[in-house]
Structures are given as C-alpha cells and as structure tokens.
Amino acid sequence: MTFRIPILWLITAAVSVAATLTFAIAFYPRGATEEEKYAVAAQRKKAYDTIGQGTQEYSAGKIDAAVAKYREALTIDPKVSSAYYLIGTTELNDDKLNEAVAQFDQALAFDKYPEHIYNNRGVARMRLGDTKGALSDFDEALALRPSMLRPRINRGLLRLQQGDAAAAVQDLDSVIAACATPADGIVAYVGRGIARAKLGDLAGAEADLSLAREWAEGKERVLNILRNRAALRELKGDGVGAQVDRAEYERLKELPETSKEFVRPLKGAGDPTNGRDGQR
C-alpha cells in the first residue's frame, strides 16, 4: 500500500508585520557622523513604513499590490531583509520556487534573526527536489532556535520522504508534545501515522490517523487522511474498515470545500505553532 502526504502541507512562516518588522539591522557607513546615522535610520523607517503598507494590501487579498510595495521598499533601502523575505514567501505560496529561493538568499545577507528565512527556503528547496539543501536549512533554523516547531515538522516530513521513518517519528513526536490540542498538530499526526505504519506499528499508525481525522479541517486534508487510513486498514486486514473509509471518501469528495463537513469548532488545524514561532 502507498501512503501519501502532500508536499504542500509543509509549514511556512506567516506573512505578517509582527513576524518581520524585527528583522532590521542598521548598516551605517564606516566612520558615519551622527547626522549620517540619522539619515540612514530615517531611510530605514521609510522602507518599513512601505512594507507595512504592503502587508495591509496582502491582508486585504491584494497580493500584486503588496508585492509592489515590498519592491518599492527595496528601492528605498536595498538592505531591508524583510522585503526580500516577504516577496520570497509570496512567491513560494504562488509556487514560484526558484524565484523564492533567490529572494530568501538575499534576505539572509541582511537578517539578524534568520530562522524563519531558513525554514521557508527549506520548504522551497524541498518542493524543488533539493532534499540535501532543504535538510540543511531546517537544521540551520533549529540550531538557531531549537524550540521552533515549523522547521521541526518540515524536517520530519522530509525524513519521511527520504525513507528514514524512525528519525521522522522522533521529530514529529516532539512537535506533537508541544501542541496544546490535536487541532494544532494535524500534519504532525498524519506524518507520524505514516511513519509508524512504515515501521510496522500499525495500531499506533491507525490511532494517529484517526485522531487526525477527528480534528482535521479542510476538504483536501480530510480526503488525504481518509485515503491513508483506508490503505492502512487494508494493510491490517481490516477490509470492512477500509471500505468504510473509501465510501466516506467518495461521499465527501463530491461536496464543496465550504461544506460544514470540513469545518471543526477549533481553529488552527495544521499549524503546529498557533503563531508562537512569530514571537521573539
């Protein structure tokens, strides 16, 4: 049986003002006077004000306008890492992977707190098939901040993809332990369930996938969990259970994404951080 977890389930750091406006480093000319330093600081502030306008556009769903503002900020101050980071994350979300990597490369040259950048560049590299580069980026992010959950879950999924199920379980165990509720760790539960199945722990695998099914939100995630649990139950010899999952899969796939079948009362499903990674 084949178990699958979509690579698009990788967790990227959010596009938000709170997560980015603390990234600035003041680069003053050597031997700069106080007046010159003030001018540099004023230029930096103008650039960040422009980035703030861009994030407002992004929040309003005006993605192109937001990116235009981020690029405008770079014309004001080309050393503002947040602008590169935000452009890169937007391009990553738009599946422009090579462009995203290039923007993250630029951001890393000027960033004081680069763990978010390493994480997102790792996601882009993994989706490009550069697993070695992706693993290096996730490792770097965790070396900078061991408590950060996004790169840990991504590294777990990468290790699962590479066939190292035991290492994947180790990473995903630590993510799940840090989650307040199952809703905060849906992707980790699915990944660990698949890893456990590959290690022969079929009961543990079914427990993980069943918990994920109970708490998951969103049509794509629910269908993926049902497909994987049906494969697992078939592997266990539970043909009846597998048939139940397949029947539910066929029923749900005909429903619209907006159906109440894909909504759970708790928010945050699939984000193992609930915004905590954005805190300094």
Protein backbone atom coordinates (compact mmCIF):
# COMPACT_ATOMS: atom_id res chain seq x y z
CA MET A 1 0.00 0.00 0.00
CA THR A 2 1.16 3.55 -0.71
CA PHE A 3 0.84 6.25 1.93
CA ARG A 4 0.97 9.85 0.82
CA ILE A 5 1.23 13.24 2.44
CA PRO A 6 1.10 16.26 0.12
CA ILE A 7 4.33 18.22 -0.03
CA LEU A 8 2.21 21.37 0.06
CA TRP A 9 1.46 20.52 3.70
CA LEU A 10 4.92 21.81 4.60
CA ILE A 11 4.60 24.62 7.12
CA THR A 12 5.88 28.06 6.13
CA ALA A 13 6.30 31.05 8.39
CA ALA A 14 3.45 33.50 8.09
CA VAL A 15 3.43 36.70 6.07
CA SER A 16 2.77 39.27 8.78
CA VAL A 17 4.08 42.53 10.14
CA ALA A 18 4.69 41.00 13.58
CA ALA A 19 6.88 38.27 12.17
CA THR A 20 9.02 40.54 10.04
CA LEU A 21 9.49 44.05 11.35
CA THR A 22 12.03 42.95 13.95
CA PHE A 23 14.46 41.72 11.29
CA ALA A 24 16.21 45.03 10.63
CA ILE A 25 19.90 45.67 11.04
CA ALA A 26 21.22 49.22 10.78
CA PHE A 27 24.13 49.37 8.34
CA TYR A 28 25.97 52.65 8.78
CA PRO A 29 28.83 53.82 6.58
CA ARG A 30 32.22 53.38 8.26
CA GLY A 31 33.00 56.49 10.27
CA ALA A 32 29.49 57.89 9.79
CA THR A 33 28.60 61.05 11.68
CA GLU A 34 25.53 61.20 13.90
CA GLU A 35 23.77 63.17 11.17
CA GLU A 36 24.56 60.47 8.61
CA LYS A 37 23.36 57.77 11.00
CA TYR A 38 20.12 59.65 11.50
CA ALA A 39 19.63 59.83 7.73
CA VAL A 40 20.17 56.07 7.41
CA ALA A 41 17.69 55.40 10.23
CA ALA A 42 15.12 57.67 8.60
CA GLN A 43 15.55 55.85 5.30
CA ARG A 44 15.12 52.51 7.07
CA LYS A 45 11.93 53.73 8.76
CA LYS A 46 10.52 54.90 5.42
CA ALA A 47 11.24 51.47 3.95
CA TYR A 48 9.49 49.72 6.82
CA ASP A 49 6.51 52.05 6.59
CA THR A 50 6.24 50.98 2.95
CA ILE A 51 6.46 47.31 3.93
CA GLY A 52 3.67 47.94 6.44
CA GLN A 53 1.52 49.31 3.61
CA GLY A 54 2.30 46.15 1.66
CA THR A 55 1.22 43.85 4.46
CA GLN A 56 -2.06 45.75 4.69
CA GLU A 57 -2.58 45.15 0.97
CA TYR A 58 -1.71 41.47 1.49
CA SER A 59 -4.23 41.16 4.34
CA ALA A 60 -6.87 42.64 2.03
CA GLY A 61 -6.10 39.96 -0.56
CA LYS A 62 -4.34 42.37 -2.93
CA ILE A 63 -1.26 40.24 -3.46
CA ASP A 64 0.16 42.03 -6.51
CA ALA A 65 -0.22 45.40 -4.81
CA ALA A 66 1.51 44.02 -1.71
CA VAL A 67 4.48 42.72 -3.69
CA ALA A 68 4.73 46.08 -5.47
CA LYS A 69 5.03 47.78 -2.07
CA TYR A 70 7.69 45.30 -0.92
CA ARG A 71 9.68 46.03 -4.08
CA GLU A 72 9.21 49.75 -3.56
CA ALA A 73 10.68 49.36 -0.07
CA LEU A 74 13.81 47.87 -1.62
CA THR A 75 14.24 50.91 -3.85
CA ILE A 76 14.26 52.99 -0.65
CA ASP A 77 16.64 50.70 1.23
CA PRO A 78 18.03 47.62 -0.57
CA LYS A 79 19.26 46.14 2.72
CA VAL A 80 15.82 45.61 4.28
CA SER A 81 15.71 41.84 4.63
CA SER A 82 12.00 41.75 5.44
CA ALA A 83 11.10 42.90 1.94
CA TYR A 84 13.10 40.06 0.35
CA TYR A 85 11.60 37.63 2.84
CA LEU A 86 8.02 38.73 2.16
CA ILE A 87 8.49 38.65 -1.62
CA GLY A 88 10.06 35.21 -1.32
CA THR A 89 7.26 33.86 0.86
CA THR A 90 4.64 35.25 -1.52
CA GLU A 91 6.41 33.63 -4.48
CA LEU A 92 6.69 30.38 -2.54
CA ASN A 93 2.94 30.44 -1.93
CA ASP A 94 2.49 31.07 -5.67
CA ASP A 95 4.73 28.07 -6.47
CA LYS A 96 7.46 30.25 -7.99
CA LEU A 97 10.09 28.19 -6.23
CA ASN A 98 13.34 29.28 -7.88
CA GLU A 99 12.37 32.93 -7.51
CA ALA A 100 11.51 32.32 -3.86
CA VAL A 101 14.90 30.75 -3.16
CA ALA A 102 16.65 33.72 -4.77
CA GLN A 103 14.71 36.16 -2.56
CA PHE A 104 15.48 34.16 0.58
CA ASP A 105 19.17 34.13 -0.38
CA GLN A 106 19.06 37.94 -0.49
CA ALA A 107 17.20 38.17 2.82
CA LEU A 108 19.80 36.02 4.59
CA ALA A 109 22.51 38.53 3.73
CA PHE A 110 20.91 41.21 5.90
CA ASP A 111 18.93 39.42 8.61
CA LYS A 112 19.68 39.28 12.30
CA TYR A 113 17.03 36.64 13.09
CA PRO A 114 17.06 34.36 10.04
CA GLU A 115 15.39 31.18 11.33
CA HIS A 116 12.13 31.95 9.50
CA ILE A 117 14.05 32.52 6.29
CA TYR A 118 15.92 29.23 6.60
CA ASN A 119 12.63 27.43 7.21
CA ASN A 120 10.88 28.91 4.18
CA ARG A 121 13.89 28.43 1.93
CA GLY A 122 13.97 24.82 3.10
CA VAL A 123 10.34 24.42 2.06
CA ALA A 124 11.09 25.88 -1.38
CA ARG A 125 14.14 23.64 -1.79
CA MET A 126 12.22 20.55 -0.73
CA ARG A 127 9.50 21.29 -3.25
CA LEU A 128 12.22 21.73 -5.89
CA GLY A 129 13.60 18.29 -5.02
CA ASP A 130 16.74 19.66 -3.36
CA THR A 131 16.41 17.48 -0.26
CA LYS A 132 20.01 17.99 0.83
CA GLY A 133 19.65 21.77 0.74
CA ALA A 134 16.26 21.59 2.45
CA LEU A 135 17.60 19.44 5.28
CA SER A 136 20.50 21.85 5.76
CA ASP A 137 18.07 24.78 6.01
CA PHE A 138 15.79 23.06 8.52
CA ASP A 139 18.82 22.05 10.60
CA GLU A 140 20.10 25.64 10.50
CA ALA A 141 16.74 27.03 11.62
CA LEU A 142 16.62 24.59 14.53
CA ALA A 143 20.21 25.33 15.51
CA LEU A 144 19.25 29.00 15.78
CA ARG A 145 16.05 28.27 17.69
CA PRO A 146 15.53 24.68 18.88
CA SER A 147 12.01 25.42 20.13
CA MET A 148 10.77 26.50 16.70
CA LEU A 149 8.16 23.99 15.54
CA ARG A 150 7.78 24.77 11.83
CA PRO A 151 11.24 23.56 10.73
CA ARG A 152 10.97 20.54 13.04
CA ILE A 153 7.74 19.33 11.46
CA ASN A 154 9.14 20.06 8.00
CA ARG A 155 12.30 18.12 8.79
CA GLY A 156 10.16 15.24 9.98
CA LEU A 157 8.22 15.20 6.71
CA LEU A 158 11.47 15.42 4.75
CA ARG A 159 12.94 12.47 6.65
CA LEU A 160 9.75 10.54 6.00
CA GLN A 161 10.09 11.30 2.29
CA GLN A 162 13.72 10.13 2.41
CA GLY A 163 12.67 6.81 3.95
CA ASP A 164 14.02 7.47 7.46
CA ALA A 165 10.78 6.75 9.31
CA ALA A 166 12.43 6.41 12.72
CA ALA A 167 14.00 9.88 12.51
CA ALA A 168 10.69 11.27 11.23
CA VAL A 169 8.88 9.88 14.29
CA GLN A 170 11.46 11.47 16.57
CA ASP A 171 10.90 14.93 15.07
CA LEU A 172 7.12 14.59 14.93
CA ASP A 173 6.92 13.26 18.49
CA SER A 174 8.48 16.48 19.75
CA VAL A 175 6.10 18.60 17.67
CA ILE A 176 3.04 16.75 18.97
CA ALA A 177 4.29 17.03 22.56
CA ALA A 178 4.39 20.82 22.15
CA CYS A 179 0.87 21.11 20.72
CA ALA A 180 -1.88 22.25 23.06
CA THR A 181 -4.56 20.23 21.21
CA PRO A 182 -4.63 17.76 18.31
CA ALA A 183 -6.03 20.59 16.17
CA ASP A 184 -2.65 22.31 16.42
CA GLY A 185 -0.77 19.32 15.04
CA ILE A 186 -2.81 17.68 12.30
CA VAL A 187 0.08 17.46 9.85
CA ALA A 188 2.35 16.01 12.53
CA TYR A 189 -0.21 13.34 13.43
CA VAL A 190 -0.65 12.34 9.78
CA GLY A 191 3.09 12.29 9.17
CA ARG A 192 3.76 10.28 12.32
CA GLY A 193 0.95 7.89 11.45
CA ILE A 194 2.50 7.18 8.06
CA ALA A 195 5.96 6.83 9.63
CA ARG A 196 4.63 4.41 12.24
CA ALA A 197 3.00 2.33 9.53
CA LYS A 198 6.30 2.10 7.70
CA LEU A 199 7.93 0.94 10.96
CA GLY A 200 5.29 -1.77 11.42
CA ASP A 201 3.42 -0.05 14.26
CA LEU A 202 0.03 -0.37 12.61
CA ALA A 203 -2.00 0.19 15.78
CA GLY A 204 -0.11 3.41 16.54
CA ALA A 205 -0.47 4.48 12.94
CA GLU A 206 -4.23 3.98 12.99
CA ALA A 207 -4.52 5.88 16.27
CA ASP A 208 -2.67 8.86 14.78
CA LEU A 209 -4.68 8.91 11.56
CA SER A 210 -7.97 8.51 13.44
CA LEU A 211 -7.16 11.42 15.73
CA ALA A 212 -6.17 13.50 12.71
CA ARG A 213 -9.46 12.60 11.01
CA GLU A 214 -11.41 13.69 14.07
CA TRP A 215 -9.76 17.11 14.26
CA ALA A 216 -8.86 17.93 10.65
CA GLU A 217 -10.31 20.90 8.81
CA GLY A 218 -10.40 21.45 5.06
CA LYS A 219 -11.50 19.17 2.26
CA GLU A 220 -8.06 18.33 0.93
CA ARG A 221 -6.75 17.30 4.35
CA VAL A 222 -9.80 15.25 5.29
CA LEU A 223 -9.68 13.35 2.00
CA ASN A 224 -5.95 12.69 2.33
CA ILE A 225 -6.41 11.29 5.83
CA LEU A 226 -9.25 9.02 4.72
CA ARG A 227 -7.21 7.74 1.78
CA ASN A 228 -4.25 6.95 4.01
CA ARG A 229 -6.35 5.32 6.72
CA ALA A 230 -8.13 3.14 4.16
CA ALA A 231 -4.72 1.97 2.90
CA LEU A 232 -3.59 1.29 6.46
CA ARG A 233 -6.72 -0.66 7.36
CA GLU A 234 -6.35 -2.73 4.21
CA LEU A 235 -2.78 -3.48 5.28
CA LYS A 236 -4.03 -4.56 8.72
CA GLY A 237 -6.55 -6.92 7.16
CA ASP A 238 -9.50 -4.75 8.20
CA GLY A 239 -11.34 -4.83 4.90
CA VAL A 240 -14.58 -3.58 6.45
CA GLY A 241 -12.90 -0.54 7.97
CA ALA A 242 -11.09 0.19 4.71
CA GLN A 243 -14.37 0.02 2.81
CA VAL A 244 -16.00 2.42 5.29
CA ASP A 245 -13.19 4.93 4.74
CA ARG A 246 -13.36 4.59 0.97
CA ALA A 247 -17.14 5.09 1.00
CA GLU A 248 -16.78 8.21 3.14
CA TYR A 249 -14.04 9.45 0.80
CA GLU A 250 -16.33 9.05 -2.22
CA ARG A 251 -19.16 10.83 -0.44
CA LEU A 252 -17.09 13.76 0.77
CA LYS A 253 -15.18 14.36 -2.44
CA GLU A 254 -18.43 15.42 -4.11
CA LEU A 255 -19.07 18.14 -1.51
CA PRO A 256 -17.87 21.74 -1.89
CA GLU A 257 -14.89 22.98 0.11
CA THR A 258 -17.29 25.20 2.06
CA SER A 259 -19.34 22.29 3.38
CA LYS A 260 -19.72 22.10 7.16
CA GLU A 261 -18.32 18.58 6.88
CA PHE A 262 -14.85 20.15 6.55
CA VAL A 263 -15.13 22.59 9.46
CA ARG A 264 -14.25 21.87 13.06
CA PRO A 265 -15.05 24.09 16.07
CA LEU A 266 -11.40 24.75 16.97
CA LYS A 267 -9.22 26.98 14.83
CA GLY A 268 -5.61 26.48 13.86
CA ALA A 269 -5.72 22.95 12.48
CA GLY A 270 -2.47 22.08 10.77
CA ASP A 271 -0.46 24.96 12.22
CA PRO A 272 1.71 23.46 14.97
CA THR A 273 2.61 26.88 16.31
CA ASN A 274 -0.59 28.90 16.70
CA GLY A 275 1.58 31.90 15.88
CA ARG A 276 4.16 31.19 18.57
CA ASP A 277 7.00 30.93 16.07
CA GLY A 278 6.44 34.58 15.25
CA GLN A 279 7.33 35.65 18.77
CA ARG A 280 10.80 36.88 19.55
